């Protein structure tokens, strides 16, 4: 399959009122002269790295468009593992994802459904997307009366201390947790008891278990697990195919 990269900066992204949007994107269309559903990627506290581009190309190989949303560059935010930074909180990321979906809906390569994947602090944005309508409107994640455009969500080791999972989600969420994760412990994401939360727990995995490069988590332990990376990718594909195809 021909891989196509269309890098688009926030200078070219505006809302319907002509106001520049506070994020950048990298878009990976599914192929030449082809339209497809689109999957959005929200990065973790380390910003946009090759790890997320590898995910984008993987999603592209599954026959979907992939769009990486860069929440940091336009806002001047840097690496901040273990910190909560204004402009990069769960509600900020969720708002960016919705606005990015509005941009993508006007692109010639998009048609059909949309989904979103978040990693670490990006997972907090995924949780924020699943709030009730009144909360979504309060945080201006959506405009009054508008619905979330995503029909499926995925969260890898979400930072639930940054945004707690809603008790009554509206969208199915596939979550991945490491039982040995002390940066984003799964205990912060519980209790939730709802059939729309579909969890995979790897008992001995650390945070960022699917990242090849050393993860600069400071005091937070990181062990790359290629077996779990491959397994979680396959589970993600099965989940996305169920809702996007």
Protein backbone atom coordinates (compact mmCIF):
# COMPACT_ATOMS: atom_id res chain seq x y z
CA UNK A 1 0.00 0.00 0.00
CA UNK A 2 1.26 3.48 -0.89
CA UNK A 3 1.80 5.52 2.27
CA UNK A 4 1.00 9.21 1.89
CA UNK A 5 1.98 11.92 4.33
CA UNK A 6 0.28 15.28 4.27
CA UNK A 7 1.73 17.45 7.04
CA UNK A 8 -0.56 20.38 7.83
CA UNK A 9 0.28 23.08 10.33
CA UNK A 10 -2.08 25.03 12.56
CA UNK A 11 -1.40 28.14 10.49
CA UNK A 12 -3.58 26.54 7.83
CA UNK A 13 -6.22 25.31 10.26
CA UNK A 14 -9.07 27.64 11.16
CA UNK A 15 -12.50 27.23 12.65
CA UNK A 16 -15.64 28.21 10.76
CA UNK A 17 -15.23 31.80 11.98
CA UNK A 18 -11.73 32.04 10.52
CA UNK A 19 -9.97 31.86 13.89
CA UNK A 20 -6.66 29.97 13.93
CA UNK A 21 -6.89 26.73 15.91
CA UNK A 22 -4.40 26.13 18.76
CA UNK A 23 -3.01 22.82 17.50
CA UNK A 24 -1.25 21.25 14.54
CA UNK A 25 -1.96 18.01 12.73
CA UNK A 26 -0.17 15.41 10.65
CA UNK A 27 -2.52 13.59 8.30
CA UNK A 28 -1.92 10.16 6.78
CA UNK A 29 -4.66 9.52 4.18
CA UNK A 30 -5.54 5.90 3.45
CA UNK A 31 -4.53 6.09 -0.20
CA UNK A 32 -4.67 7.85 -3.56
CA UNK A 33 -8.17 8.69 -4.83
CA UNK A 34 -9.73 6.83 -1.92
CA UNK A 35 -11.96 7.96 0.90
CA UNK A 36 -12.08 6.17 4.24
CA UNK A 37 -13.04 6.53 7.91
CA UNK A 38 -10.57 8.52 10.00
CA UNK A 39 -8.81 7.72 13.28
CA UNK A 40 -7.37 10.58 15.36
CA UNK A 41 -4.33 10.14 17.62
CA UNK A 42 -3.77 12.16 20.80
CA UNK A 43 -0.15 11.93 22.00
CA UNK A 44 1.08 11.55 25.56
CA UNK A 45 3.07 13.93 27.76
CA UNK A 46 6.15 13.43 25.56
CA UNK A 47 4.60 15.30 22.63
CA UNK A 48 4.56 14.06 19.04
CA UNK A 49 7.27 11.40 18.67
CA UNK A 50 8.06 8.68 16.13
CA UNK A 51 5.99 6.28 18.20
CA UNK A 52 2.79 8.08 17.21
CA UNK A 53 3.85 8.30 13.58
CA UNK A 54 4.40 4.55 13.59
CA UNK A 55 0.88 4.17 14.94
CA UNK A 56 -0.45 6.48 12.21
CA UNK A 57 1.20 4.41 9.50
CA UNK A 58 -0.12 1.21 11.08
CA UNK A 59 -3.66 2.61 11.11
CA UNK A 60 -3.17 3.73 7.53
CA UNK A 61 -2.17 0.15 6.60
CA UNK A 62 -5.50 -1.02 8.04
CA UNK A 63 -7.30 1.06 5.42
CA UNK A 64 -8.15 4.10 7.56
CA UNK A 65 -6.97 7.69 7.47
CA UNK A 66 -4.87 8.63 10.50
CA UNK A 67 -4.53 12.15 11.91
CA UNK A 68 -2.06 12.96 14.68
CA UNK A 69 -3.19 15.96 16.72
CA UNK A 70 -0.23 17.93 18.10
CA UNK A 71 -1.57 19.64 21.23
CA UNK A 72 1.76 21.22 22.21
CA UNK A 73 3.69 22.97 19.43
CA UNK A 74 1.30 25.84 18.71
CA UNK A 75 0.83 26.42 22.45
CA UNK A 76 4.54 26.35 23.27
CA UNK A 77 4.10 23.40 25.65
CA UNK A 78 7.03 21.05 26.23
CA UNK A 79 7.63 17.61 27.69
CA UNK A 80 6.04 17.39 31.14
CA UNK A 81 5.68 13.81 32.35
CA UNK A 82 3.87 13.65 35.66
CA UNK A 83 2.69 17.28 35.49
CA UNK A 84 -0.65 18.86 34.66
CA UNK A 85 -0.24 21.82 32.30
CA UNK A 86 -3.00 24.29 31.31
CA UNK A 87 -3.74 23.85 27.63
CA UNK A 88 -2.96 20.14 27.75
CA UNK A 89 -5.61 18.94 30.20
CA UNK A 90 -8.22 16.35 29.31
CA UNK A 91 -10.84 18.87 28.26
CA UNK A 92 -8.30 20.81 26.14
CA UNK A 93 -7.27 17.67 24.29
CA UNK A 94 -10.89 16.62 23.79
CA UNK A 95 -11.71 20.05 22.34
CA UNK A 96 -8.75 19.79 19.96
CA UNK A 97 -9.87 16.36 18.79
CA UNK A 98 -13.37 17.58 18.03
CA UNK A 99 -12.07 20.62 16.14
CA UNK A 100 -9.62 18.41 14.24
CA UNK A 101 -12.53 16.16 13.26
CA UNK A 102 -14.39 19.19 11.88
CA UNK A 103 -11.34 20.03 9.77
CA UNK A 104 -10.94 16.44 8.57
CA UNK A 105 -14.60 16.16 7.61
CA UNK A 106 -13.93 18.69 4.86
CA UNK A 107 -10.93 16.85 3.43
CA UNK A 108 -11.28 14.88 0.18
CA UNK A 109 -9.86 11.70 1.74
CA UNK A 110 -12.39 11.40 4.57
CA UNK A 111 -15.77 9.71 4.44
CA UNK A 112 -17.81 7.78 6.94
CA UNK A 113 -17.09 7.26 10.60
CA UNK A 114 -14.49 8.58 13.05
CA UNK A 115 -12.64 7.18 16.06
CA UNK A 116 -9.91 8.47 18.39
CA UNK A 117 -6.96 6.96 20.25
CA UNK A 118 -5.14 8.55 23.19
CA UNK A 119 -1.94 7.62 25.01
CA UNK A 120 -1.19 8.58 28.62
CA UNK A 121 -2.34 12.17 29.01
CA UNK A 122 -3.92 11.77 25.58
CA UNK A 123 -6.04 9.08 27.20
CA UNK A 124 -7.37 11.75 29.56
CA UNK A 125 -8.69 13.54 26.48
CA UNK A 126 -10.36 10.32 25.40
CA UNK A 127 -12.12 10.10 28.77
CA UNK A 128 -13.25 13.73 28.50
CA UNK A 129 -14.86 12.99 25.13
CA UNK A 130 -17.20 10.55 26.85
CA UNK A 131 -18.85 13.03 29.17
CA UNK A 132 -22.54 13.90 29.27
CA UNK A 133 -23.80 16.54 26.84
CA UNK A 134 -24.04 19.25 29.49
CA UNK A 135 -20.43 18.69 30.57
CA UNK A 136 -19.22 18.66 26.96
CA UNK A 137 -20.95 21.98 26.38
CA UNK A 138 -19.70 23.43 29.68
CA UNK A 139 -16.08 22.79 28.70
CA UNK A 140 -16.85 23.93 25.13
CA UNK A 141 -15.67 20.59 23.78
CA UNK A 142 -18.72 20.73 21.51
CA UNK A 143 -21.00 23.59 20.59
CA UNK A 144 -24.45 23.68 22.13
CA UNK A 145 -26.64 20.95 20.69
CA UNK A 146 -23.75 19.29 18.80
CA UNK A 147 -22.83 15.66 19.33
CA UNK A 148 -19.39 14.07 19.61
CA UNK A 149 -18.34 12.89 16.11
CA UNK A 150 -16.53 9.76 17.34
CA UNK A 151 -18.23 6.38 17.58
CA UNK A 152 -15.33 4.42 19.13
CA UNK A 153 -12.49 5.39 21.48
CA UNK A 154 -9.21 3.76 22.56
CA UNK A 155 -7.10 4.74 25.58
CA UNK A 156 -3.62 3.37 26.29
CA UNK A 157 -2.59 3.73 29.97
CA UNK A 158 -4.81 6.83 30.36
CA UNK A 159 -3.85 9.43 32.95
CA UNK A 160 -7.05 9.24 34.95
CA UNK A 161 -5.65 11.54 37.64
CA UNK A 162 -5.89 14.20 34.91
CA UNK A 163 -9.43 13.28 33.90
CA UNK A 164 -11.52 10.63 35.63
CA UNK A 165 -13.51 8.24 33.41
CA UNK A 166 -17.18 9.27 33.31
CA UNK A 167 -19.42 6.87 35.22
CA UNK A 168 -21.96 6.88 32.38
CA UNK A 169 -20.05 6.86 29.06
CA UNK A 170 -21.86 7.22 25.77
CA UNK A 171 -19.20 5.73 23.46
CA UNK A 172 -17.47 2.32 23.67
CA UNK A 173 -13.89 2.62 24.95
CA UNK A 174 -11.14 0.03 24.62
CA UNK A 175 -8.56 0.59 27.37
CA UNK A 176 -5.11 -0.90 27.94
CA UNK A 177 -3.45 -0.89 31.36
CA UNK A 178 -0.16 -2.08 32.79
CA UNK A 179 -0.45 -3.70 36.19
CA UNK A 180 3.04 -2.42 37.07
CA UNK A 181 2.36 1.15 35.91
CA UNK A 182 3.17 3.66 38.66
CA UNK A 183 2.91 6.72 36.40
CA UNK A 184 -0.72 6.15 35.33
CA UNK A 185 -1.90 3.40 37.65
CA UNK A 186 -5.13 1.76 36.63
CA UNK A 187 -6.40 2.24 40.18
CA UNK A 188 -6.90 5.92 39.30
CA UNK A 189 -9.34 4.87 36.58
CA UNK A 190 -11.57 2.87 38.89
CA UNK A 191 -14.17 2.28 40.00
CA UNK A 192 -16.10 2.21 36.80
CA UNK A 193 -18.67 -0.42 36.09
CA UNK A 194 -20.13 0.00 32.63
CA UNK A 195 -20.27 -2.36 29.67
CA UNK A 196 -18.93 0.37 27.36
CA UNK A 197 -15.53 0.18 29.08
CA UNK A 198 -13.65 -2.77 27.59
CA UNK A 199 -10.37 -3.24 29.47
CA UNK A 200 -7.25 -5.26 28.76
CA UNK A 201 -4.84 -5.47 31.69
CA UNK A 202 -1.26 -6.70 31.29
CA UNK A 203 -0.33 -7.62 34.89
CA UNK A 204 3.45 -7.09 34.72
CA UNK A 205 3.54 -4.23 32.17
CA UNK A 206 4.75 -0.70 32.94
CA UNK A 207 3.58 2.61 31.55
CA UNK A 208 4.34 3.07 27.84
CA UNK A 209 4.93 -0.66 27.42
CA UNK A 210 4.44 -0.28 23.65
CA UNK A 211 7.06 2.45 23.13
CA UNK A 212 10.35 1.20 21.65
CA UNK A 213 12.57 4.15 22.48
CA UNK A 214 13.53 4.76 26.12
CA UNK A 215 10.68 6.65 27.69
CA UNK A 216 11.92 9.61 29.71
CA UNK A 217 9.60 9.16 32.64
CA UNK A 218 12.17 10.17 35.27
CA UNK A 219 11.45 8.12 38.36
CA UNK A 220 8.77 6.15 36.53
CA UNK A 221 9.85 2.71 35.38
CA UNK A 222 9.57 1.87 31.69
CA UNK A 223 10.02 -1.54 30.07
CA UNK A 224 9.30 -1.97 26.37
CA UNK A 225 7.31 -5.14 25.67
CA UNK A 226 7.22 -5.92 21.93
CA UNK A 227 4.93 -8.90 22.54
CA UNK A 228 2.35 -6.75 24.31
CA UNK A 229 2.79 -3.96 21.77
CA UNK A 230 1.86 -6.37 18.97
CA UNK A 231 -1.01 -7.85 20.97
CA UNK A 232 -2.48 -4.46 21.84
CA UNK A 233 -2.20 -3.34 18.22
CA UNK A 234 -4.11 -6.40 17.07
CA UNK A 235 -6.80 -5.87 19.72
CA UNK A 236 -7.08 -2.23 18.64
CA UNK A 237 -7.53 -3.23 15.01
CA UNK A 238 -10.27 -5.71 15.89
CA UNK A 239 -12.02 -3.08 17.99
CA UNK A 240 -11.81 -0.36 15.33
CA UNK A 241 -12.90 -2.71 12.56
CA UNK A 242 -16.00 -3.60 14.57
CA UNK A 243 -17.14 0.03 14.66
CA UNK A 244 -15.64 1.68 11.59
CA UNK A 245 -16.28 -0.92 8.89
